[in-house]
N, C-alpha and C. Protein backbone atom coordinates (compact mmCIF):
# COMPACT_ATOMS: atom_id res chain seq x y z
N UNK A 1 -50.61 17.80 2.69
CA UNK A 1 -49.28 18.26 2.48
C UNK A 1 -49.30 19.71 2.12
N UNK A 2 -48.53 20.56 2.77
CA UNK A 2 -48.51 21.95 2.46
C UNK A 2 -48.06 22.17 1.00
N UNK A 3 -48.72 23.11 0.39
CA UNK A 3 -48.45 23.34 -1.04
C UNK A 3 -47.02 23.81 -1.32
N UNK A 4 -46.39 24.46 -0.35
CA UNK A 4 -45.00 24.91 -0.62
C UNK A 4 -44.01 23.75 -0.68
N UNK A 5 -44.38 22.58 -0.16
CA UNK A 5 -43.52 21.44 -0.24
C UNK A 5 -43.53 20.73 -1.58
N UNK A 6 -44.62 20.89 -2.33
CA UNK A 6 -44.77 20.19 -3.63
C UNK A 6 -43.63 20.57 -4.60
N UNK A 7 -43.34 21.87 -4.78
CA UNK A 7 -42.19 22.20 -5.68
C UNK A 7 -40.87 21.64 -5.18
N UNK A 8 -40.69 21.65 -3.89
CA UNK A 8 -39.43 21.12 -3.27
C UNK A 8 -39.29 19.64 -3.56
N UNK A 9 -40.42 18.87 -3.40
CA UNK A 9 -40.39 17.45 -3.66
C UNK A 9 -40.16 17.16 -5.15
N UNK A 10 -40.81 17.91 -6.05
CA UNK A 10 -40.61 17.78 -7.44
C UNK A 10 -39.14 18.03 -7.83
N UNK A 11 -38.53 19.07 -7.23
CA UNK A 11 -37.16 19.39 -7.49
C UNK A 11 -36.25 18.21 -7.07
N UNK A 12 -36.54 17.68 -5.88
CA UNK A 12 -35.75 16.55 -5.37
C UNK A 12 -35.91 15.35 -6.28
N UNK A 13 -37.08 15.06 -6.77
CA UNK A 13 -37.32 13.95 -7.70
C UNK A 13 -36.52 14.14 -8.98
N UNK A 14 -36.49 15.37 -9.48
CA UNK A 14 -35.75 15.71 -10.71
C UNK A 14 -34.26 15.49 -10.49
N UNK A 15 -33.76 15.88 -9.30
CA UNK A 15 -32.33 15.67 -8.98
C UNK A 15 -32.02 14.21 -8.93
N UNK A 16 -32.84 13.39 -8.31
CA UNK A 16 -32.62 11.96 -8.24
C UNK A 16 -32.63 11.30 -9.60
N UNK A 17 -33.54 11.73 -10.45
CA UNK A 17 -33.63 11.22 -11.84
C UNK A 17 -32.36 11.57 -12.62
N UNK A 18 -31.88 12.80 -12.45
CA UNK A 18 -30.67 13.23 -13.14
C UNK A 18 -29.46 12.39 -12.62
N UNK A 19 -29.42 12.16 -11.32
CA UNK A 19 -28.34 11.37 -10.73
C UNK A 19 -28.38 9.93 -11.24
N UNK A 20 -29.54 9.35 -11.34
CA UNK A 20 -29.72 7.96 -11.85
C UNK A 20 -29.21 7.87 -13.30
N UNK A 21 -29.54 8.90 -14.10
CA UNK A 21 -29.06 8.94 -15.48
C UNK A 21 -27.53 9.03 -15.53
N UNK A 22 -26.99 9.90 -14.71
CA UNK A 22 -25.52 10.02 -14.71
C UNK A 22 -24.85 8.73 -14.24
N UNK A 23 -25.38 8.03 -13.27
CA UNK A 23 -24.80 6.78 -12.83
C UNK A 23 -24.88 5.71 -13.89
N UNK A 24 -26.00 5.69 -14.63
CA UNK A 24 -26.15 4.70 -15.72
C UNK A 24 -25.12 4.99 -16.81
N UNK A 25 -24.87 6.25 -17.14
CA UNK A 25 -23.94 6.58 -18.16
C UNK A 25 -22.51 6.22 -17.72
N UNK A 26 -22.16 6.45 -16.46
CA UNK A 26 -20.86 6.05 -15.94
C UNK A 26 -20.64 4.56 -15.99
N UNK A 27 -21.65 3.79 -15.63
CA UNK A 27 -21.59 2.32 -15.70
C UNK A 27 -21.34 1.91 -17.15
N UNK A 28 -22.04 2.48 -18.08
CA UNK A 28 -21.89 2.13 -19.48
C UNK A 28 -20.49 2.43 -19.97
N UNK A 29 -19.93 3.55 -19.57
CA UNK A 29 -18.54 3.91 -19.93
C UNK A 29 -17.56 2.91 -19.36
N UNK A 30 -17.76 2.53 -18.09
CA UNK A 30 -16.86 1.55 -17.46
C UNK A 30 -16.88 0.18 -18.20
N UNK A 31 -18.03 -0.22 -18.68
CA UNK A 31 -18.16 -1.51 -19.40
C UNK A 31 -17.47 -1.45 -20.75
N UNK A 32 -17.29 -0.27 -21.32
CA UNK A 32 -16.65 -0.12 -22.61
C UNK A 32 -15.11 0.08 -22.49
N UNK A 33 -14.66 0.38 -21.28
CA UNK A 33 -13.20 0.62 -21.10
C UNK A 33 -12.46 -0.68 -21.11
N UNK A 34 -11.43 -0.75 -21.89
CA UNK A 34 -10.60 -1.95 -22.02
C UNK A 34 -9.30 -1.73 -21.28
N UNK A 35 -8.96 -2.65 -20.38
CA UNK A 35 -7.71 -2.61 -19.64
C UNK A 35 -6.73 -3.51 -20.37
N UNK A 36 -5.63 -2.99 -20.86
CA UNK A 36 -4.65 -3.77 -21.57
C UNK A 36 -3.56 -4.18 -20.58
N UNK A 37 -3.34 -5.53 -20.58
CA UNK A 37 -2.25 -6.09 -19.76
C UNK A 37 -1.19 -6.61 -20.71
N UNK A 38 0.10 -6.50 -20.37
CA UNK A 38 1.16 -6.85 -21.29
C UNK A 38 2.19 -7.73 -20.61
N UNK A 39 2.94 -8.45 -21.44
CA UNK A 39 4.06 -9.26 -21.03
C UNK A 39 4.99 -9.41 -22.20
N UNK A 40 6.23 -9.58 -21.95
CA UNK A 40 7.22 -9.81 -23.04
C UNK A 40 8.29 -10.74 -22.55
N UNK A 41 9.01 -11.41 -23.53
CA UNK A 41 10.06 -12.26 -23.12
C UNK A 41 10.72 -12.94 -24.29
N UNK A 42 11.66 -13.85 -24.00
CA UNK A 42 12.38 -14.60 -25.02
C UNK A 42 12.22 -16.10 -24.79
N UNK A 43 11.59 -16.50 -23.71
CA UNK A 43 11.33 -17.91 -23.46
C UNK A 43 9.92 -18.29 -23.85
N UNK A 44 9.39 -19.31 -23.28
CA UNK A 44 8.01 -19.70 -23.54
C UNK A 44 7.04 -18.79 -22.83
N UNK A 45 5.82 -18.73 -23.30
CA UNK A 45 4.76 -17.89 -22.69
C UNK A 45 3.98 -18.81 -21.74
N UNK A 46 3.83 -18.31 -20.52
CA UNK A 46 2.94 -18.95 -19.54
C UNK A 46 2.46 -17.83 -18.61
N UNK A 47 1.56 -17.03 -19.06
CA UNK A 47 1.11 -15.86 -18.33
C UNK A 47 -0.37 -15.89 -18.06
N UNK A 48 -0.75 -15.36 -16.89
CA UNK A 48 -2.14 -15.26 -16.51
C UNK A 48 -2.54 -13.81 -16.33
N UNK A 49 -3.82 -13.53 -16.64
CA UNK A 49 -4.34 -12.15 -16.59
C UNK A 49 -5.75 -12.20 -16.00
N UNK A 50 -6.04 -11.20 -15.12
CA UNK A 50 -7.38 -11.11 -14.57
C UNK A 50 -7.63 -9.70 -14.05
N UNK A 51 -8.91 -9.46 -13.75
CA UNK A 51 -9.31 -8.26 -13.03
C UNK A 51 -9.88 -8.70 -11.68
N UNK A 52 -10.01 -7.79 -10.76
CA UNK A 52 -10.52 -8.11 -9.45
C UNK A 52 -12.04 -8.18 -9.38
N UNK A 53 -12.67 -8.15 -10.53
CA UNK A 53 -14.14 -8.23 -10.61
C UNK A 53 -14.47 -9.14 -11.80
N UNK A 54 -15.76 -9.41 -11.97
CA UNK A 54 -16.23 -10.10 -13.16
C UNK A 54 -15.75 -9.40 -14.37
N UNK A 55 -15.21 -10.15 -15.39
CA UNK A 55 -14.62 -9.49 -16.52
C UNK A 55 -14.85 -10.20 -17.87
N UNK A 56 -14.61 -9.51 -18.94
CA UNK A 56 -14.74 -10.07 -20.29
C UNK A 56 -13.34 -10.05 -20.93
N UNK A 57 -13.03 -11.09 -21.71
CA UNK A 57 -11.82 -11.09 -22.50
C UNK A 57 -12.18 -10.45 -23.85
N UNK A 58 -11.49 -9.34 -24.21
CA UNK A 58 -11.80 -8.61 -25.40
C UNK A 58 -10.85 -8.96 -26.55
N UNK A 59 -9.55 -9.05 -26.30
CA UNK A 59 -8.62 -9.43 -27.35
C UNK A 59 -7.33 -10.04 -26.74
N UNK A 60 -6.66 -10.79 -27.63
CA UNK A 60 -5.32 -11.30 -27.32
C UNK A 60 -4.49 -11.06 -28.58
N UNK A 61 -3.33 -10.33 -28.38
CA UNK A 61 -2.43 -10.07 -29.50
C UNK A 61 -1.04 -10.48 -29.05
N UNK A 62 -0.27 -11.06 -30.00
CA UNK A 62 1.09 -11.41 -29.70
C UNK A 62 1.90 -11.25 -30.98
N UNK A 63 3.00 -10.52 -30.84
CA UNK A 63 3.97 -10.33 -31.94
C UNK A 63 5.21 -11.11 -31.64
N UNK A 64 5.71 -11.77 -32.64
CA UNK A 64 6.94 -12.55 -32.52
C UNK A 64 7.98 -12.01 -33.46
N UNK A 65 9.25 -11.96 -32.96
CA UNK A 65 10.34 -11.38 -33.77
C UNK A 65 11.61 -12.21 -33.57
N UNK A 66 12.38 -12.38 -34.62
CA UNK A 66 13.63 -13.14 -34.59
C UNK A 66 13.40 -14.62 -34.52
N UNK A 67 14.47 -15.37 -34.48
CA UNK A 67 14.35 -16.82 -34.37
C UNK A 67 13.55 -17.43 -35.53
N UNK A 68 13.19 -18.67 -35.36
CA UNK A 68 12.41 -19.31 -36.41
C UNK A 68 11.53 -20.39 -35.78
N UNK A 69 10.42 -20.73 -36.48
CA UNK A 69 9.54 -21.75 -36.02
C UNK A 69 8.22 -21.25 -35.53
N UNK A 70 7.34 -22.17 -35.35
CA UNK A 70 5.99 -21.87 -34.80
C UNK A 70 5.58 -22.96 -33.82
N UNK A 71 4.56 -22.66 -33.08
CA UNK A 71 3.99 -23.63 -32.09
C UNK A 71 2.58 -23.23 -31.83
N UNK A 72 1.87 -24.16 -31.20
CA UNK A 72 0.47 -23.86 -30.81
C UNK A 72 0.40 -22.79 -29.71
N UNK A 73 -0.53 -21.93 -29.80
CA UNK A 73 -0.79 -20.80 -28.88
C UNK A 73 -2.13 -21.08 -28.22
N UNK A 74 -2.13 -21.34 -26.92
CA UNK A 74 -3.36 -21.71 -26.23
C UNK A 74 -3.86 -20.60 -25.26
N UNK A 75 -5.13 -20.37 -25.32
CA UNK A 75 -5.84 -19.49 -24.41
C UNK A 75 -6.77 -20.34 -23.58
N UNK A 76 -6.64 -20.26 -22.23
CA UNK A 76 -7.46 -21.08 -21.35
C UNK A 76 -7.96 -20.22 -20.16
N UNK A 77 -8.84 -20.85 -19.42
CA UNK A 77 -9.33 -20.23 -18.20
C UNK A 77 -8.83 -21.08 -17.00
N UNK A 78 -8.30 -20.38 -16.03
CA UNK A 78 -7.97 -20.98 -14.74
C UNK A 78 -9.09 -20.55 -13.85
N UNK A 79 -9.99 -21.46 -13.49
CA UNK A 79 -11.23 -21.13 -12.86
C UNK A 79 -11.09 -20.99 -11.33
N UNK A 80 -11.75 -19.99 -10.79
CA UNK A 80 -11.80 -19.83 -9.32
C UNK A 80 -12.61 -20.99 -8.71
N UNK A 81 -13.39 -21.64 -9.56
CA UNK A 81 -14.21 -22.75 -9.06
C UNK A 81 -13.40 -24.05 -8.86
N UNK A 82 -12.12 -24.03 -9.27
CA UNK A 82 -11.25 -25.22 -9.09
C UNK A 82 -10.83 -25.81 -10.41
N UNK A 83 -9.91 -26.74 -10.33
CA UNK A 83 -9.27 -27.31 -11.56
C UNK A 83 -10.27 -28.09 -12.42
N UNK A 84 -11.36 -28.57 -11.81
CA UNK A 84 -12.39 -29.29 -12.64
C UNK A 84 -12.97 -28.42 -13.67
N UNK A 85 -12.90 -27.05 -13.49
CA UNK A 85 -13.51 -26.14 -14.47
C UNK A 85 -12.49 -25.40 -15.34
N UNK A 86 -11.18 -25.75 -15.18
CA UNK A 86 -10.17 -25.16 -16.04
C UNK A 86 -10.38 -25.69 -17.46
N UNK A 87 -10.40 -24.80 -18.44
CA UNK A 87 -10.75 -25.19 -19.81
C UNK A 87 -9.89 -24.49 -20.81
N UNK A 88 -9.48 -25.22 -21.86
CA UNK A 88 -8.83 -24.53 -23.00
C UNK A 88 -9.90 -23.94 -23.84
N UNK A 89 -9.84 -22.65 -24.02
CA UNK A 89 -10.92 -21.90 -24.70
C UNK A 89 -10.65 -21.77 -26.22
N UNK A 90 -9.40 -21.63 -26.58
CA UNK A 90 -9.08 -21.48 -27.98
C UNK A 90 -7.60 -21.87 -28.23
N UNK A 91 -7.31 -22.51 -29.35
CA UNK A 91 -5.97 -22.79 -29.73
C UNK A 91 -5.70 -22.26 -31.13
N UNK A 92 -4.64 -21.49 -31.26
CA UNK A 92 -4.18 -21.02 -32.58
C UNK A 92 -3.05 -21.97 -32.89
N UNK A 93 -3.27 -22.78 -33.93
CA UNK A 93 -2.32 -23.91 -34.24
C UNK A 93 -0.94 -23.42 -34.63
N UNK A 94 -0.81 -22.30 -35.32
CA UNK A 94 0.46 -21.85 -35.78
C UNK A 94 0.69 -20.45 -35.33
N UNK A 95 1.63 -20.30 -34.39
CA UNK A 95 2.00 -18.96 -33.88
C UNK A 95 3.53 -18.91 -33.68
N UNK A 96 4.12 -17.84 -34.14
CA UNK A 96 5.60 -17.69 -34.03
C UNK A 96 6.07 -16.80 -35.16
N UNK A 97 7.30 -17.07 -35.66
CA UNK A 97 7.89 -16.24 -36.70
C UNK A 97 6.95 -16.20 -37.91
N UNK A 98 6.69 -14.92 -38.34
CA UNK A 98 5.78 -14.67 -39.48
C UNK A 98 4.34 -15.14 -39.21
N UNK A 99 3.97 -15.41 -37.98
CA UNK A 99 2.64 -15.87 -37.67
C UNK A 99 2.18 -15.26 -36.35
N UNK A 100 1.99 -13.95 -36.33
CA UNK A 100 1.52 -13.23 -35.14
C UNK A 100 0.08 -13.73 -34.81
N UNK A 101 -0.32 -13.44 -33.56
CA UNK A 101 -1.67 -13.78 -33.14
C UNK A 101 -2.45 -12.51 -32.92
N UNK A 102 -3.64 -12.44 -33.44
CA UNK A 102 -4.56 -11.35 -33.14
C UNK A 102 -5.98 -11.93 -33.09
N UNK A 103 -6.46 -12.10 -31.90
CA UNK A 103 -7.80 -12.69 -31.70
C UNK A 103 -8.65 -11.70 -30.99
N UNK A 104 -9.79 -11.34 -31.60
CA UNK A 104 -10.75 -10.45 -30.96
C UNK A 104 -11.94 -11.32 -30.51
N UNK A 105 -12.12 -11.38 -29.21
CA UNK A 105 -13.16 -12.24 -28.62
C UNK A 105 -14.46 -11.60 -28.37
N UNK A 106 -14.44 -10.38 -28.03
CA UNK A 106 -15.64 -9.71 -27.54
C UNK A 106 -16.57 -9.34 -28.69
N UNK A 107 -17.77 -9.78 -28.61
CA UNK A 107 -18.76 -9.54 -29.66
C UNK A 107 -19.47 -8.16 -29.49
N UNK A 108 -19.26 -7.55 -28.34
CA UNK A 108 -19.93 -6.31 -28.06
C UNK A 108 -21.37 -6.52 -27.54
N UNK A 109 -21.70 -7.79 -27.41
CA UNK A 109 -23.05 -8.16 -26.91
C UNK A 109 -22.95 -8.58 -25.48
N UNK A 110 -23.76 -8.07 -24.60
CA UNK A 110 -23.78 -8.49 -23.21
C UNK A 110 -24.93 -9.43 -22.94
N UNK A 111 -24.74 -10.52 -22.24
CA UNK A 111 -23.45 -10.91 -21.71
C UNK A 111 -22.64 -11.58 -22.79
N UNK A 112 -21.33 -11.32 -22.79
CA UNK A 112 -20.37 -11.87 -23.71
C UNK A 112 -20.12 -13.35 -23.43
N UNK A 113 -19.92 -14.14 -24.42
CA UNK A 113 -19.55 -15.52 -24.22
C UNK A 113 -18.17 -15.69 -23.63
N UNK A 114 -17.42 -14.60 -23.58
CA UNK A 114 -16.04 -14.60 -23.01
C UNK A 114 -16.04 -13.88 -21.70
N UNK A 115 -17.05 -14.14 -20.85
CA UNK A 115 -17.17 -13.48 -19.55
C UNK A 115 -16.70 -14.44 -18.47
N UNK A 116 -15.93 -13.91 -17.55
CA UNK A 116 -15.35 -14.71 -16.46
C UNK A 116 -15.73 -14.18 -15.12
N UNK A 117 -15.73 -15.04 -14.15
CA UNK A 117 -16.15 -14.69 -12.79
C UNK A 117 -14.95 -14.07 -12.00
N UNK A 118 -15.29 -13.37 -10.96
CA UNK A 118 -14.27 -12.84 -10.06
C UNK A 118 -13.42 -14.02 -9.58
N UNK A 119 -12.12 -13.87 -9.68
CA UNK A 119 -11.21 -14.96 -9.24
C UNK A 119 -10.70 -15.82 -10.41
N UNK A 120 -11.40 -15.80 -11.52
CA UNK A 120 -10.93 -16.53 -12.70
C UNK A 120 -9.71 -15.81 -13.28
N UNK A 121 -8.87 -16.53 -14.00
CA UNK A 121 -7.76 -15.95 -14.76
C UNK A 121 -7.74 -16.50 -16.17
N UNK A 122 -7.42 -15.63 -17.11
CA UNK A 122 -7.21 -16.01 -18.45
C UNK A 122 -5.71 -16.34 -18.56
N UNK A 123 -5.40 -17.52 -19.06
CA UNK A 123 -4.06 -18.00 -19.17
C UNK A 123 -3.63 -18.17 -20.62
N UNK A 124 -2.45 -17.72 -20.95
CA UNK A 124 -1.91 -17.81 -22.31
C UNK A 124 -0.63 -18.67 -22.21
N UNK A 125 -0.55 -19.72 -23.04
CA UNK A 125 0.60 -20.61 -23.08
C UNK A 125 1.07 -20.82 -24.51
N UNK A 126 2.41 -20.81 -24.67
CA UNK A 126 3.03 -21.06 -25.97
C UNK A 126 4.45 -21.49 -25.72
N UNK A 127 4.87 -22.56 -26.31
CA UNK A 127 6.25 -23.08 -26.13
C UNK A 127 7.13 -22.50 -27.27
N UNK A 128 8.10 -21.70 -26.91
CA UNK A 128 8.97 -21.04 -27.85
C UNK A 128 9.81 -22.08 -28.57
N UNK A 129 9.68 -22.20 -29.93
CA UNK A 129 10.51 -23.12 -30.66
C UNK A 129 11.93 -22.70 -30.83
N UNK A 130 12.23 -21.43 -30.49
CA UNK A 130 13.58 -20.88 -30.60
C UNK A 130 13.93 -20.09 -29.35
N UNK A 131 13.98 -20.79 -28.18
CA UNK A 131 14.20 -20.07 -26.89
C UNK A 131 15.48 -19.21 -26.93
N UNK A 132 15.27 -17.98 -26.50
CA UNK A 132 16.39 -17.04 -26.47
C UNK A 132 16.60 -16.36 -27.82
N UNK A 133 16.15 -16.95 -28.93
CA UNK A 133 16.34 -16.41 -30.23
C UNK A 133 15.13 -15.63 -30.77
N UNK A 134 13.98 -15.95 -30.20
CA UNK A 134 12.73 -15.32 -30.62
C UNK A 134 12.14 -14.54 -29.44
N UNK A 135 11.86 -13.30 -29.70
CA UNK A 135 11.21 -12.49 -28.64
C UNK A 135 9.72 -12.39 -28.98
N UNK A 136 8.95 -12.12 -27.96
CA UNK A 136 7.50 -11.96 -28.14
C UNK A 136 7.03 -10.80 -27.25
N UNK A 137 5.94 -10.21 -27.71
CA UNK A 137 5.24 -9.17 -26.95
C UNK A 137 3.79 -9.53 -26.93
N UNK A 138 3.25 -9.71 -25.76
CA UNK A 138 1.86 -10.15 -25.59
C UNK A 138 1.00 -9.06 -24.99
N UNK A 139 -0.18 -8.85 -25.57
CA UNK A 139 -1.15 -7.89 -25.05
C UNK A 139 -2.48 -8.59 -24.88
N UNK A 140 -3.09 -8.41 -23.76
CA UNK A 140 -4.38 -9.00 -23.47
C UNK A 140 -5.37 -7.90 -23.01
N UNK A 141 -6.51 -7.78 -23.68
CA UNK A 141 -7.48 -6.76 -23.33
C UNK A 141 -8.60 -7.32 -22.49
N UNK A 142 -8.82 -6.74 -21.31
CA UNK A 142 -9.87 -7.14 -20.41
C UNK A 142 -10.83 -5.97 -20.10
N UNK A 143 -12.08 -6.27 -19.94
CA UNK A 143 -13.06 -5.24 -19.65
C UNK A 143 -13.99 -5.75 -18.57
N UNK A 144 -14.53 -4.84 -17.80
CA UNK A 144 -15.49 -5.20 -16.76
C UNK A 144 -16.72 -5.80 -17.42
N UNK A 145 -17.29 -6.81 -16.77
CA UNK A 145 -18.54 -7.41 -17.30
C UNK A 145 -19.74 -6.87 -16.51
N UNK A 146 -20.87 -6.91 -17.21
CA UNK A 146 -22.10 -6.46 -16.56
C UNK A 146 -22.63 -7.46 -15.59
């Protein structure tokens, strides 16, 4: 190999190494980014949330205002694998007036126990004990999974 090519090849290797480092940093940043999905209403909650890729559930928050009463607040998965895999993941027994929901699911450890496959949806259900009288604001945080 001609000696003048050695520095050129070393320079190219250094550029590839720098590019690999930059790509790894960008992937790490994407995994930390949380996409917040929202919904609001005065009736019962029956909302689904997902990303178009494998994802993690990071948090579920819901504020209730007006009206009176509480009801069970359920978080479940609607599986892309079919109804045989649909599962209730967590139930908050008392949610409603003076009983907001704030659940943080993500442990920050990969892979998270709250990781879902492409095509899965996280579903939130709650029956409003005071329809039309109680309003709610729901926020669900989703992040890309590794």
